[in-house]
Amino acid sequence: MIAKQATEDESPFASHFTLKKILGGDVLTTQTIRHQIGVFLLITAFLIVYIANRYSVQNDLIEIDKLQDELQDAKYKALSSSSQLTEKSRESHVLELLKNNKDSVLKIASQPPYIINVPEE
């Protein structure tokens, strides 16, 4: 009598499911859950992998954005340095520096350069 009362009052596992059984919650019996525990564990494992993968991808995207900002800053600095170097190495700027600097041994050429032709043997 005690063994009869200790067992759960459930209908046996049905091999076919109807819409009424699914919507009514009859498929969520203890026996059904026990038979499908592997599927539930597999779904849980897939959810954990999915969440971990999404977290990893989000961290990678944040780092990519940060590195792109750094790259753009480096490009702007290189462009600025290049323009400053171009301005300082212009002939007019160099000539002006030579005129203003009295202790330099370099002098501005008074004659234009000419080409020396060397005959080949």
PDB file of N, CA and C in Angstrom:
ATOM      1  N   MET A   1       0.811  -1.184   0.000  1.00  0.00           N
ATOM      2  CA  MET A   1       0.000   0.000   0.000  1.00  0.00           C
ATOM      3  C   MET A   1       0.865   1.263   0.000  1.00  0.00           C
ATOM      4  N   ILE A   2       1.945   1.260   0.805  1.00  0.00           N
ATOM      5  CA  ILE A   2       2.828   2.430   0.863  1.00  0.00           C
ATOM      6  C   ILE A   2       3.561   2.601  -0.460  1.00  0.00           C
ATOM      7  N   ALA A   3       4.006   1.505  -1.075  1.00  0.00           N
ATOM      8  CA  ALA A   3       4.689   1.585  -2.362  1.00  0.00           C
ATOM      9  C   ALA A   3       3.766   2.140  -3.418  1.00  0.00           C
ATOM     10  N   LYS A   4       2.495   1.826  -3.340  1.00  0.00           N
ATOM     11  CA  LYS A   4       1.523   2.330  -4.309  1.00  0.00           C
ATOM     12  C   LYS A   4       1.338   3.835  -4.147  1.00  0.00           C
ATOM     13  N   GLN A   5       1.337   4.326  -2.919  1.00  0.00           N
ATOM     14  CA  GLN A   5       1.160   5.742  -2.671  1.00  0.00           C
ATOM     15  C   GLN A   5       2.436   6.526  -2.972  1.00  0.00           C
ATOM     16  N   ALA A   6       3.595   5.886  -2.843  1.00  0.00           N
ATOM     17  CA  ALA A   6       4.867   6.573  -3.063  1.00  0.00           C
ATOM     18  C   ALA A   6       5.142   6.833  -4.537  1.00  0.00           C
ATOM     19  N   THR A   7       4.564   6.048  -5.429  1.00  0.00           N
ATOM     20  CA  THR A   7       4.789   6.264  -6.865  1.00  0.00           C
ATOM     21  C   THR A   7       3.959   7.442  -7.332  1.00  0.00           C
ATOM     22  N   GLU A   8       4.488   8.133  -8.284  1.00  0.00           N
ATOM     23  CA  GLU A   8       3.768   9.280  -8.827  1.00  0.00           C
ATOM     24  C   GLU A   8       2.651   8.787  -9.718  1.00  0.00           C
ATOM     25  N   ASP A   9       1.589   9.490  -9.703  1.00  0.00           N
ATOM     26  CA  ASP A   9       0.429   9.108 -10.495  1.00  0.00           C
ATOM     27  C   ASP A   9       0.582   9.708 -11.885  1.00  0.00           C
ATOM     28  N   GLU A  10       1.193   8.963 -12.765  1.00  0.00           N
ATOM     29  CA  GLU A  10       1.427   9.433 -14.124  1.00  0.00           C
ATOM     30  C   GLU A  10       0.912   8.398 -15.107  1.00  0.00           C
ATOM     31  N   SER A  11       0.532   8.904 -16.257  1.00  0.00           N
ATOM     32  CA  SER A  11       0.134   7.988 -17.322  1.00  0.00           C
ATOM     33  C   SER A  11       1.396   7.460 -17.986  1.00  0.00           C
ATOM     34  N   PRO A  12       1.356   6.287 -18.570  1.00  0.00           N
ATOM     35  CA  PRO A  12       2.543   5.749 -19.228  1.00  0.00           C
ATOM     36  C   PRO A  12       2.978   6.642 -20.391  1.00  0.00           C
ATOM     37  N   PHE A  13       4.264   6.508 -20.752  1.00  0.00           N
ATOM     38  CA  PHE A  13       4.856   7.319 -21.815  1.00  0.00           C
ATOM     39  C   PHE A  13       4.150   7.034 -23.142  1.00  0.00           C
ATOM     40  N   ALA A  14       3.586   8.072 -23.738  1.00  0.00           N
ATOM     41  CA  ALA A  14       2.860   7.912 -24.998  1.00  0.00           C
ATOM     42  C   ALA A  14       3.829   7.985 -26.157  1.00  0.00           C
ATOM     43  N   SER A  15       3.607   7.152 -27.148  1.00  0.00           N
ATOM     44  CA  SER A  15       4.493   7.151 -28.306  1.00  0.00           C
ATOM     45  C   SER A  15       4.097   8.214 -29.317  1.00  0.00           C
ATOM     46  N   HIS A  16       2.895   8.721 -29.229  1.00  0.00           N
ATOM     47  CA  HIS A  16       2.460   9.774 -30.150  1.00  0.00           C
ATOM     48  C   HIS A  16       1.961  10.968 -29.342  1.00  0.00           C
ATOM     49  N   PHE A  17       2.262  12.143 -29.868  1.00  0.00           N
ATOM     50  CA  PHE A  17       1.867  13.370 -29.187  1.00  0.00           C
ATOM     51  C   PHE A  17       0.860  14.100 -30.060  1.00  0.00           C
ATOM     52  N   THR A  18      -0.156  14.614 -29.432  1.00  0.00           N
ATOM     53  CA  THR A  18      -1.134  15.427 -30.146  1.00  0.00           C
ATOM     54  C   THR A  18      -0.937  16.872 -29.712  1.00  0.00           C
ATOM     55  N   LEU A  19      -1.540  17.765 -30.454  1.00  0.00           N
ATOM     56  CA  LEU A  19      -1.432  19.186 -30.133  1.00  0.00           C
ATOM     57  C   LEU A  19      -2.034  19.475 -28.765  1.00  0.00           C
ATOM     58  N   LYS A  20      -3.105  18.769 -28.445  1.00  0.00           N
ATOM     59  CA  LYS A  20      -3.760  18.955 -27.149  1.00  0.00           C
ATOM     60  C   LYS A  20      -2.827  18.535 -26.009  1.00  0.00           C
ATOM     61  N   LYS A  21      -2.078  17.453 -26.173  1.00  0.00           N
ATOM     62  CA  LYS A  21      -1.157  16.997 -25.138  1.00  0.00           C
ATOM     63  C   LYS A  21       0.019  17.964 -24.982  1.00  0.00           C
ATOM     64  N   ILE A  22       0.506  18.478 -26.103  1.00  0.00           N
ATOM     65  CA  ILE A  22       1.639  19.397 -26.057  1.00  0.00           C
ATOM     66  C   ILE A  22       1.237  20.710 -25.399  1.00  0.00           C
ATOM     67  N   LEU A  23       0.095  21.295 -25.833  1.00  0.00           N
ATOM     68  CA  LEU A  23      -0.351  22.572 -25.272  1.00  0.00           C
ATOM     69  C   LEU A  23      -0.856  22.423 -23.843  1.00  0.00           C
ATOM     70  N   GLY A  24      -1.371  21.272 -23.510  1.00  0.00           N
ATOM     71  CA  GLY A  24      -1.877  21.029 -22.162  1.00  0.00           C
ATOM     72  C   GLY A  24      -0.776  20.753 -21.162  1.00  0.00           C
ATOM     73  N   GLY A  25       0.434  20.509 -21.602  1.00  0.00           N
ATOM     74  CA  GLY A  25       1.540  20.263 -20.695  1.00  0.00           C
ATOM     75  C   GLY A  25       1.708  18.805 -20.330  1.00  0.00           C
ATOM     76  N   ASP A  26       1.007  17.923 -21.006  1.00  0.00           N
ATOM     77  CA  ASP A  26       1.123  16.497 -20.693  1.00  0.00           C
ATOM     78  C   ASP A  26       2.488  15.929 -21.062  1.00  0.00           C
ATOM     79  N   VAL A  27       3.217  16.599 -21.941  1.00  0.00           N
ATOM     80  CA  VAL A  27       4.528  16.084 -22.350  1.00  0.00           C
ATOM     81  C   VAL A  27       5.583  16.359 -21.296  1.00  0.00           C
ATOM     82  N   LEU A  28       5.268  17.195 -20.299  1.00  0.00           N
ATOM     83  CA  LEU A  28       6.242  17.557 -19.271  1.00  0.00           C
ATOM     84  C   LEU A  28       6.133  16.660 -18.035  1.00  0.00           C
ATOM     85  N   THR A  29       5.814  15.441 -18.237  1.00  0.00           N
ATOM     86  CA  THR A  29       5.748  14.509 -17.108  1.00  0.00           C
ATOM     87  C   THR A  29       7.156  14.095 -16.715  1.00  0.00           C
ATOM     88  N   THR A  30       7.291  13.539 -15.541  1.00  0.00           N
ATOM     89  CA  THR A  30       8.600  13.121 -15.042  1.00  0.00           C
ATOM     90  C   THR A  30       9.211  12.062 -15.930  1.00  0.00           C
ATOM     91  N   GLN A  31       8.411  11.151 -16.398  1.00  0.00           N
ATOM     92  CA  GLN A  31       8.922  10.071 -17.244  1.00  0.00           C
ATOM     93  C   GLN A  31       9.459  10.629 -18.565  1.00  0.00           C
ATOM     94  N   THR A  32       8.774  11.592 -19.150  1.00  0.00           N
ATOM     95  CA  THR A  32       9.223  12.207 -20.405  1.00  0.00           C
ATOM     96  C   THR A  32      10.522  12.966 -20.191  1.00  0.00           C
ATOM     97  N   ILE A  33      10.603  13.698 -19.093  1.00  0.00           N
ATOM     98  CA  ILE A  33      11.809  14.458 -18.784  1.00  0.00           C
ATOM     99  C   ILE A  33      12.989  13.505 -18.598  1.00  0.00           C
ATOM    100  N   ARG A  34      12.767  12.395 -17.921  1.00  0.00           N
ATOM    101  CA  ARG A  34      13.844  11.426 -17.711  1.00  0.00           C
ATOM    102  C   ARG A  34      14.344  10.849 -19.024  1.00  0.00           C
ATOM    103  N   HIS A  35      13.442  10.596 -19.946  1.00  0.00           N
ATOM    104  CA  HIS A  35      13.845  10.039 -21.243  1.00  0.00           C
ATOM    105  C   HIS A  35      14.613  11.073 -22.081  1.00  0.00           C
ATOM    106  N   GLN A  36      14.343  12.346 -21.865  1.00  0.00           N
ATOM    107  CA  GLN A  36      14.948  13.399 -22.688  1.00  0.00           C
ATOM    108  C   GLN A  36      16.059  14.158 -21.966  1.00  0.00           C
ATOM    109  N   ILE A  37      16.569  13.650 -20.855  1.00  0.00           N
ATOM    110  CA  ILE A  37      17.587  14.371 -20.084  1.00  0.00           C
ATOM    111  C   ILE A  37      18.855  14.604 -20.909  1.00  0.00           C
ATOM    112  N   GLY A  38      19.210  13.682 -21.780  1.00  0.00           N
ATOM    113  CA  GLY A  38      20.375  13.861 -22.651  1.00  0.00           C
ATOM    114  C   GLY A  38      20.210  15.045 -23.592  1.00  0.00           C
ATOM    115  N   VAL A  39      19.010  15.179 -24.127  1.00  0.00           N
ATOM    116  CA  VAL A  39      18.737  16.304 -25.030  1.00  0.00           C
ATOM    117  C   VAL A  39      18.831  17.622 -24.270  1.00  0.00           C
ATOM    118  N   PHE A  40      18.292  17.655 -23.043  1.00  0.00           N
ATOM    119  CA  PHE A  40      18.365  18.872 -22.245  1.00  0.00           C
ATOM    120  C   PHE A  40      19.811  19.236 -21.914  1.00  0.00           C
ATOM    121  N   LEU A  41      20.614  18.248 -21.585  1.00  0.00           N
ATOM    122  CA  LEU A  41      22.027  18.507 -21.313  1.00  0.00           C
ATOM    123  C   LEU A  41      22.750  19.003 -22.559  1.00  0.00           C
ATOM    124  N   LEU A  42      22.429  18.420 -23.708  1.00  0.00           N
ATOM    125  CA  LEU A  42      23.047  18.855 -24.968  1.00  0.00           C
ATOM    126  C   LEU A  42      22.659  20.296 -25.293  1.00  0.00           C
ATOM    127  N   ILE A  43      21.398  20.625 -25.104  1.00  0.00           N
ATOM    128  CA  ILE A  43      20.940  22.000 -25.358  1.00  0.00           C
ATOM    129  C   ILE A  43      21.637  22.974 -24.407  1.00  0.00           C
ATOM    130  N   THR A  44      21.782  22.581 -23.146  1.00  0.00           N
ATOM    131  CA  THR A  44      22.473  23.429 -22.175  1.00  0.00           C
ATOM    132  C   THR A  44      23.926  23.645 -22.573  1.00  0.00           C
ATOM    133  N   ALA A  45      24.594  22.582 -23.022  1.00  0.00           N
ATOM    134  CA  ALA A  45      25.988  22.708 -23.457  1.00  0.00           C
ATOM    135  C   ALA A  45      26.094  23.640 -24.659  1.00  0.00           C
ATOM    136  N   PHE A  46      25.174  23.502 -25.615  1.00  0.00           N
ATOM    137  CA  PHE A  46      25.191  24.382 -26.786  1.00  0.00           C
ATOM    138  C   PHE A  46      24.953  25.838 -26.378  1.00  0.00           C
ATOM    139  N   LEU A  47      24.070  26.077 -25.422  1.00  0.00           N
ATOM    140  CA  LEU A  47      23.821  27.449 -24.965  1.00  0.00           C
ATOM    141  C   LEU A  47      25.069  28.043 -24.310  1.00  0.00           C
ATOM    142  N   ILE A  48      25.767  27.240 -23.522  1.00  0.00           N
ATOM    143  CA  ILE A  48      26.988  27.732 -22.881  1.00  0.00           C
ATOM    144  C   ILE A  48      28.040  28.071 -23.929  1.00  0.00           C
ATOM    145  N   VAL A  49      28.204  27.206 -24.929  1.00  0.00           N
ATOM    146  CA  VAL A  49      29.177  27.467 -25.999  1.00  0.00           C
ATOM    147  C   VAL A  49      28.778  28.705 -26.789  1.00  0.00           C
ATOM    148  N   TYR A  50      27.476  28.857 -27.072  1.00  0.00           N
ATOM    149  CA  TYR A  50      26.993  30.011 -27.825  1.00  0.00           C
ATOM    150  C   TYR A  50      27.267  31.312 -27.069  1.00  0.00           C
ATOM    151  N   ILE A  51      26.985  31.334 -25.779  1.00  0.00           N
ATOM    152  CA  ILE A  51      27.196  32.540 -24.982  1.00  0.00           C
ATOM    153  C   ILE A  51      28.687  32.865 -24.884  1.00  0.00           C
ATOM    154  N   ALA A  52      29.509  31.846 -24.683  1.00  0.00           N
ATOM    155  CA  ALA A  52      30.957  32.076 -24.598  1.00  0.00           C
ATOM    156  C   ALA A  52      31.504  32.597 -25.927  1.00  0.00           C
ATOM    157  N   ASN A  53      31.024  32.047 -27.026  1.00  0.00           N
ATOM    158  CA  ASN A  53      31.477  32.485 -28.349  1.00  0.00           C
ATOM    159  C   ASN A  53      31.060  33.935 -28.601  1.00  0.00           C
ATOM    160  N   ARG A  54      29.848  34.275 -28.247  1.00  0.00           N
ATOM    161  CA  ARG A  54      29.376  35.647 -28.453  1.00  0.00           C
ATOM    162  C   ARG A  54      30.192  36.629 -27.608  1.00  0.00           C
ATOM    163  N   TYR A  55      30.487  36.271 -26.371  1.00  0.00           N
ATOM    164  CA  TYR A  55      31.298  37.116 -25.500  1.00  0.00           C
ATOM    165  C   TYR A  55      32.684  37.322 -26.098  1.00  0.00           C
ATOM    166  N   SER A  56      33.270  36.257 -26.612  1.00  0.00           N
ATOM    167  CA  SER A  56      34.599  36.347 -27.223  1.00  0.00           C
ATOM    168  C   SER A  56      34.576  37.256 -28.449  1.00  0.00           C
ATOM    169  N   VAL A  57      33.564  37.117 -29.268  1.00  0.00           N
ATOM    170  CA  VAL A  57      33.450  37.945 -30.481  1.00  0.00           C
ATOM    171  C   VAL A  57      33.261  39.414 -30.112  1.00  0.00           C
ATOM    172  N   GLN A  58      32.469  39.688 -29.088  1.00  0.00           N
ATOM    173  CA  GLN A  58      32.266  41.074 -28.671  1.00  0.00           C
ATOM    174  C   GLN A  58      33.567  41.685 -28.166  1.00  0.00           C
ATOM    175  N   ASN A  59      34.337  40.918 -27.418  1.00  0.00           N
ATOM    176  CA  ASN A  59      35.635  41.427 -26.967  1.00  0.00           C
ATOM    177  C   ASN A  59      36.560  41.691 -28.145  1.00  0.00           C
ATOM    178  N   ASP A  60      36.557  40.806 -29.134  1.00  0.00           N
ATOM    179  CA  ASP A  60      37.386  41.013 -30.328  1.00  0.00           C
ATOM    180  C   ASP A  60      36.953  42.262 -31.092  1.00  0.00           C
ATOM    181  N   LEU A  61      35.647  42.491 -31.210  1.00  0.00           N
ATOM    182  CA  LEU A  61      35.165  43.681 -31.915  1.00  0.00           C
ATOM    183  C   LEU A  61      35.557  44.963 -31.178  1.00  0.00           C
ATOM    184  N   ILE A  62      35.514  44.935 -29.852  1.00  0.00           N
ATOM    185  CA  ILE A  62      35.929  46.107 -29.072  1.00  0.00           C
ATOM    186  C   ILE A  62      37.409  46.379 -29.308  1.00  0.00           C
ATOM    187  N   GLU A  63      38.217  45.329 -29.305  1.00  0.00           N
ATOM    188  CA  GLU A  63      39.655  45.520 -29.536  1.00  0.00           C
ATOM    189  C   GLU A  63      39.929  46.002 -30.960  1.00  0.00           C
ATOM    190  N   ILE A  64      39.192  45.495 -31.943  1.00  0.00           N
ATOM    191  CA  ILE A  64      39.372  45.938 -33.331  1.00  0.00           C
ATOM    192  C   ILE A  64      39.061  47.430 -33.444  1.00  0.00           C
ATOM    193  N   ASP A  65      37.975  47.881 -32.814  1.00  0.00           N
ATOM    194  CA  ASP A  65      37.635  49.310 -32.853  1.00  0.00           C
ATOM    195  C   ASP A  65      38.742  50.158 -32.216  1.00  0.00           C
ATOM    196  N   LYS A  66      39.258  49.685 -31.091  1.00  0.00           N
ATOM    197  CA  LYS A  66      40.330  50.425 -30.417  1.00  0.00           C
ATOM    198  C   LYS A  66      41.578  50.495 -31.296  1.00  0.00           C
ATOM    199  N   LEU A  67      41.931  49.376 -31.929  1.00  0.00           N
ATOM    200  CA  LEU A  67      43.119  49.361 -32.793  1.00  0.00           C
ATOM    201  C   LEU A  67      42.923  50.213 -34.045  1.00  0.00           C
ATOM    202  N   GLN A  68      41.707  50.262 -34.574  1.00  0.00           N
ATOM    203  CA  GLN A  68      41.450  51.113 -35.733  1.00  0.00           C
ATOM    204  C   GLN A  68      41.598  52.587 -35.361  1.00  0.00           C
ATOM    205  N   ASP A  69      41.152  52.955 -34.164  1.00  0.00           N
ATOM    206  CA  ASP A  69      41.339  54.340 -33.710  1.00  0.00           C
ATOM    207  C   ASP A  69      42.822  54.668 -33.574  1.00  0.00           C
ATOM    208  N   GLU A  70      43.590  53.740 -33.002  1.00  0.00           N
ATOM    209  CA  GLU A  70      45.031  53.961 -32.877  1.00  0.00           C
ATOM    210  C   GLU A  70      45.695  54.065 -34.243  1.00  0.00           C
ATOM    211  N   LEU A  71      45.266  53.236 -35.184  1.00  0.00           N
ATOM    212  CA  LEU A  71      45.829  53.277 -36.537  1.00  0.00           C
ATOM    213  C   LEU A  71      45.535  54.615 -37.201  1.00  0.00           C
ATOM    214  N   GLN A  72      44.322  55.106 -37.035  1.00  0.00           N
ATOM    215  CA  GLN A  72      43.978  56.385 -37.638  1.00  0.00           C
ATOM    216  C   GLN A  72      44.794  57.511 -37.012  1.00  0.00           C
ATOM    217  N   ASP A  73      44.992  57.482 -35.695  1.00  0.00           N
ATOM    218  CA  ASP A  73      45.834  58.483 -35.042  1.00  0.00           C
ATOM    219  C   ASP A  73      47.266  58.422 -35.560  1.00  0.00           C
ATOM    220  N   ALA A  74      47.782  57.202 -35.740  1.00  0.00           N
ATOM    221  CA  ALA A  74      49.150  57.045 -36.250  1.00  0.00           C
ATOM    222  C   ALA A  74      49.256  57.575 -37.680  1.00  0.00           C
ATOM    223  N   LYS A  75      48.223  57.341 -38.496  1.00  0.00           N
ATOM    224  CA  LYS A  75      48.240  57.860 -39.872  1.00  0.00           C
ATOM    225  C   LYS A  75      48.258  59.387 -39.879  1.00  0.00           C
ATOM    226  N   TYR A  76      47.454  59.992 -39.005  1.00  0.00           N
ATOM    227  CA  TYR A  76      47.434  61.459 -38.937  1.00  0.00           C
ATOM    228  C   TYR A  76      48.777  62.005 -38.476  1.00  0.00           C
ATOM    229  N   LYS A  77      49.400  61.362 -37.498  1.00  0.00           N
ATOM    230  CA  LYS A  77      50.714  61.809 -37.031  1.00  0.00           C
ATOM    231  C   LYS A  77      51.757  61.664 -38.139  1.00  0.00           C
ATOM    232  N   ALA A  78      51.704  60.559 -38.890  1.00  0.00           N
ATOM    233  CA  ALA A  78      52.659  60.358 -39.985  1.00  0.00           C
ATOM    234  C   ALA A  78      52.442  61.402 -41.078  1.00  0.00           C
ATOM    235  N   LEU A  79      51.203  61.718 -41.380  1.00  0.00           N
ATOM    236  CA  LEU A  79      50.916  62.734 -42.391  1.00  0.00           C
ATOM    237  C   LEU A  79      51.409  64.104 -41.933  1.00  0.00           C
ATOM    238  N   SER A  80      51.209  64.407 -40.671  1.00  0.00           N
ATOM    239  CA  SER A  80      51.673  65.688 -40.129  1.00  0.00           C
ATOM    240  C   SER A  80      53.199  65.776 -40.163  1.00  0.00           C
ATOM    241  N   SER A  81      53.865  64.712 -39.745  1.00  0.00           N
ATOM    242  CA  SER A  81      55.332  64.691 -39.769  1.00  0.00           C
ATOM    243  C   SER A  81      55.859  64.801 -41.192  1.00  0.00           C
ATOM    244  N   SER A  82      55.211  64.120 -42.109  1.00  0.00           N
ATOM    245  CA  SER A  82      55.643  64.167 -43.506  1.00  0.00           C
ATOM    246  C   SER A  82      55.493  65.571 -44.080  1.00  0.00           C
ATOM    247  N   SER A  83      54.397  66.233 -43.751  1.00  0.00           N
ATOM    248  CA  SER A  83      54.215  67.595 -44.283  1.00  0.00           C
ATOM    249  C   SER A  83      55.220  68.563 -43.663  1.00  0.00           C
ATOM    250  N   GLN A  84      55.541  68.395 -42.383  1.00  0.00           N
ATOM    251  CA  GLN A  84      56.549  69.250 -41.757  1.00  0.00           C
ATOM    252  C   GLN A  84      57.923  69.021 -42.372  1.00  0.00           C
ATOM    253  N   LEU A  85      58.260  67.765 -42.621  1.00  0.00           N
ATOM    254  CA  LEU A  85      59.550  67.454 -43.244  1.00  0.00           C
ATOM    255  C   LEU A  85      59.615  68.020 -44.662  1.00  0.00           C
ATOM    256  N   THR A  86      58.538  67.914 -45.409  1.00  0.00           N
ATOM    257  CA  THR A  86      58.514  68.451 -46.762  1.00  0.00           C
ATOM    258  C   THR A  86      58.698  69.965 -46.745  1.00  0.00           C
ATOM    259  N   GLU A  87      58.049  70.627 -45.796  1.00  0.00           N
ATOM    260  CA  GLU A  87      58.176  72.083 -45.727  1.00  0.00           C
ATOM    261  C   GLU A  87      59.592  72.500 -45.343  1.00  0.00           C
ATOM    262  N   LYS A  88      60.206  71.793 -44.396  1.00  0.00           N
ATOM    263  CA  LYS A  88      61.553  72.159 -43.951  1.00  0.00           C
ATOM    264  C   LYS A  88      62.622  71.820 -44.973  1.00  0.00           C
ATOM    265  N   SER A  89      62.360  70.893 -45.858  1.00  0.00           N
ATOM    266  CA  SER A  89      63.377  70.512 -46.834  1.00  0.00           C
ATOM    267  C   SER A  89      63.180  71.200 -48.192  1.00  0.00           C
ATOM    268  N   ARG A  90      62.252  72.135 -48.292  1.00  0.00           N
ATOM    269  CA  ARG A  90      62.093  72.880 -49.545  1.00  0.00           C
ATOM    270  C   ARG A  90      63.310  73.761 -49.770  1.00  0.00           C
ATOM    271  N   GLU A  91      63.618  73.958 -51.032  1.00  0.00           N
ATOM    272  CA  GLU A  91      64.812  74.728 -51.380  1.00  0.00           C
ATOM    273  C   GLU A  91      64.736  76.152 -50.848  1.00  0.00           C
ATOM    274  N   SER A  92      63.580  76.769 -50.933  1.00  0.00           N
ATOM    275  CA  SER A  92      63.454  78.150 -50.464  1.00  0.00           C
ATOM    276  C   SER A  92      63.687  78.235 -48.951  1.00  0.00           C
ATOM    277  N   HIS A  93      63.199  77.274 -48.211  1.00  0.00           N
ATOM    278  CA  HIS A  93      63.397  77.275 -46.759  1.00  0.00           C
ATOM    279  C   HIS A  93      64.860  77.032 -46.401  1.00  0.00           C
ATOM    280  N   VAL A  94      65.502  76.117 -47.120  1.00  0.00           N
ATOM    281  CA  VAL A  94      66.918  75.825 -46.866  1.00  0.00           C
ATOM    282  C   VAL A  94      67.774  77.039 -47.202  1.00  0.00           C
ATOM    283  N   LEU A  95      67.481  77.705 -48.322  1.00  0.00           N
ATOM    284  CA  LEU A  95      68.231  78.909 -48.688  1.00  0.00           C
ATOM    285  C   LEU A  95      68.057  80.011 -47.649  1.00  0.00           C
ATOM    286  N   GLU A  96      66.860  80.153 -47.130  1.00  0.00           N
ATOM    287  CA  GLU A  96      66.617  81.171 -46.111  1.00  0.00           C
ATOM    288  C   GLU A  96      67.400  80.854 -44.828  1.00  0.00           C
ATOM    289  N   LEU A  97      67.455  79.588 -44.470  1.00  0.00           N
ATOM    290  CA  LEU A  97      68.230  79.196 -43.290  1.00  0.00           C
ATOM    291  C   LEU A  97      69.720  79.459 -43.504  1.00  0.00           C
ATOM    292  N   LEU A  98      70.222  79.203 -44.712  1.00  0.00           N
ATOM    293  CA  LEU A  98      71.640  79.456 -45.000  1.00  0.00           C
ATOM    294  C   LEU A  98      71.959  80.956 -44.940  1.00  0.00           C
ATOM    295  N   LYS A  99      71.059  81.791 -45.392  1.00  0.00           N
ATOM    296  CA  LYS A  99      71.281  83.242 -45.338  1.00  0.00           C
ATOM    297  C   LYS A  99      71.290  83.731 -43.893  1.00  0.00           C
ATOM    298  N   ASN A 100      70.382  83.213 -43.089  1.00  0.00           N
ATOM    299  CA  ASN A 100      70.262  83.674 -41.699  1.00  0.00           C
ATOM    300  C   ASN A 100      71.348  83.114 -40.798  1.00  0.00           C
ATOM    301  N   ASN A 101      71.922  81.986 -41.143  1.00  0.00           N
ATOM    302  CA  ASN A 101      72.936  81.349 -40.308  1.00  0.00           C
ATOM    303  C   ASN A 101      74.316  81.809 -40.765  1.00  0.00           C
ATOM    304  N   LYS A 102      74.955  82.668 -39.977  1.00  0.00           N
ATOM    305  CA  LYS A 102      76.230  83.277 -40.382  1.00  0.00           C
ATOM    306  C   LYS A 102      77.425  82.348 -40.160  1.00  0.00           C
ATOM    307  N   ASP A 103      77.368  81.430 -39.249  1.00  0.00           N
ATOM    308  CA  ASP A 103      78.525  80.591 -38.968  1.00  0.00           C
ATOM    309  C   ASP A 103      78.553  79.322 -39.812  1.00  0.00           C
ATOM    310  N   SER A 104      77.699  79.196 -40.790  1.00  0.00           N
ATOM    311  CA  SER A 104      77.683  78.025 -41.661  1.00  0.00           C
ATOM    312  C   SER A 104      78.732  78.178 -42.758  1.00  0.00           C
ATOM    313  N   VAL A 105      79.403  77.085 -43.110  1.00  0.00           N
ATOM    314  CA  VAL A 105      80.400  77.120 -44.175  1.00  0.00           C
ATOM    315  C   VAL A 105      79.756  76.898 -45.534  1.00  0.00           C
ATOM    316  N   LEU A 106      78.499  76.551 -45.545  1.00  0.00           N
ATOM    317  CA  LEU A 106      77.799  76.363 -46.813  1.00  0.00           C
ATOM    318  C   LEU A 106      77.371  77.709 -47.370  1.00  0.00           C
ATOM    319  N   LYS A 107      77.547  77.852 -48.648  1.00  0.00           N
ATOM    320  CA  LYS A 107      77.171  79.095 -49.317  1.00  0.00           C
ATOM    321  C   LYS A 107      76.245  78.764 -50.479  1.00  0.00           C
ATOM    322  N   ILE A 108      75.477  79.753 -50.864  1.00  0.00           N
ATOM    323  CA  ILE A 108      74.579  79.598 -51.998  1.00  0.00           C
ATOM    324  C   ILE A 108      75.400  79.719 -53.272  1.00  0.00           C
ATOM    325  N   ALA A 109      75.160  78.776 -54.194  1.00  0.00           N
ATOM    326  CA  ALA A 109      75.924  78.782 -55.453  1.00  0.00           C
ATOM    327  C   ALA A 109      75.525  79.992 -56.287  1.00  0.00           C
ATOM    328  N   SER A 110      76.536  80.649 -56.860  1.00  0.00           N
ATOM    329  CA  SER A 110      76.264  81.812 -57.703  1.00  0.00           C
ATOM    330  C   SER A 110      76.111  81.414 -59.166  1.00  0.00           C
ATOM    331  N   GLN A 111      76.622  80.237 -59.538  1.00  0.00           N
ATOM    332  CA  GLN A 111      76.500  79.745 -60.914  1.00  0.00           C
ATOM    333  C   GLN A 111      75.596  78.514 -60.917  1.00  0.00           C
ATOM    334  N   PRO A 112      74.835  78.350 -61.984  1.00  0.00           N
ATOM    335  CA  PRO A 112      73.984  77.153 -62.057  1.00  0.00           C
ATOM    336  C   PRO A 112      74.838  75.902 -62.273  1.00  0.00           C
ATOM    337  N   PRO A 113      74.347  74.760 -61.877  1.00  0.00           N
ATOM    338  CA  PRO A 113      75.123  73.527 -62.082  1.00  0.00           C
ATOM    339  C   PRO A 113      75.193  73.186 -63.566  1.00  0.00           C
ATOM    340  N   TYR A 114      76.268  72.497 -63.954  1.00  0.00           N
ATOM    341  CA  TYR A 114      76.391  72.071 -65.346  1.00  0.00           C
ATOM    342  C   TYR A 114      76.765  70.588 -65.369  1.00  0.00           C
ATOM    343  N   ILE A 115      76.496  69.960 -66.508  1.00  0.00           N
ATOM    344  CA  ILE A 115      76.688  68.528 -66.651  1.00  0.00           C
ATOM    345  C   ILE A 115      78.069  68.262 -67.236  1.00  0.00           C
ATOM    346  N   ILE A 116      78.762  67.320 -66.630  1.00  0.00           N
ATOM    347  CA  ILE A 116      80.074  66.909 -67.143  1.00  0.00           C
ATOM    348  C   ILE A 116      79.870  65.607 -67.899  1.00  0.00           C
ATOM    349  N   ASN A 117      80.206  65.620 -69.150  1.00  0.00           N
ATOM    350  CA  ASN A 117      80.085  64.408 -69.961  1.00  0.00           C
ATOM    351  C   ASN A 117      81.398  63.659 -69.968  1.00  0.00           C
ATOM    352  N   VAL A 118      81.361  62.405 -69.598  1.00  0.00           N
ATOM    353  CA  VAL A 118      82.559  61.564 -69.561  1.00  0.00           C
ATOM    354  C   VAL A 118      82.416  60.549 -70.688  1.00  0.00           C
ATOM    355  N   PRO A 119      83.389  60.523 -71.617  1.00  0.00           N
ATOM    356  CA  PRO A 119      83.275  59.545 -72.721  1.00  0.00           C
ATOM    357  C   PRO A 119      83.479  58.114 -72.195  1.00  0.00           C
ATOM    358  N   GLU A 120      82.709  57.202 -72.733  1.00  0.00           N
ATOM    359  CA  GLU A 120      82.825  55.787 -72.346  1.00  0.00           C
ATOM    360  C   GLU A 120      83.885  55.122 -73.199  1.00  0.00           C
ATOM    361  N   GLU A 121      84.598  54.212 -72.624  1.00  0.00           N
ATOM    362  CA  GLU A 121      85.676  53.525 -73.354  1.00  0.00           C
ATOM    363  C   GLU A 121      85.223  52.209 -73.892  1.00  0.00           C
TER     364      GLU A 121
END
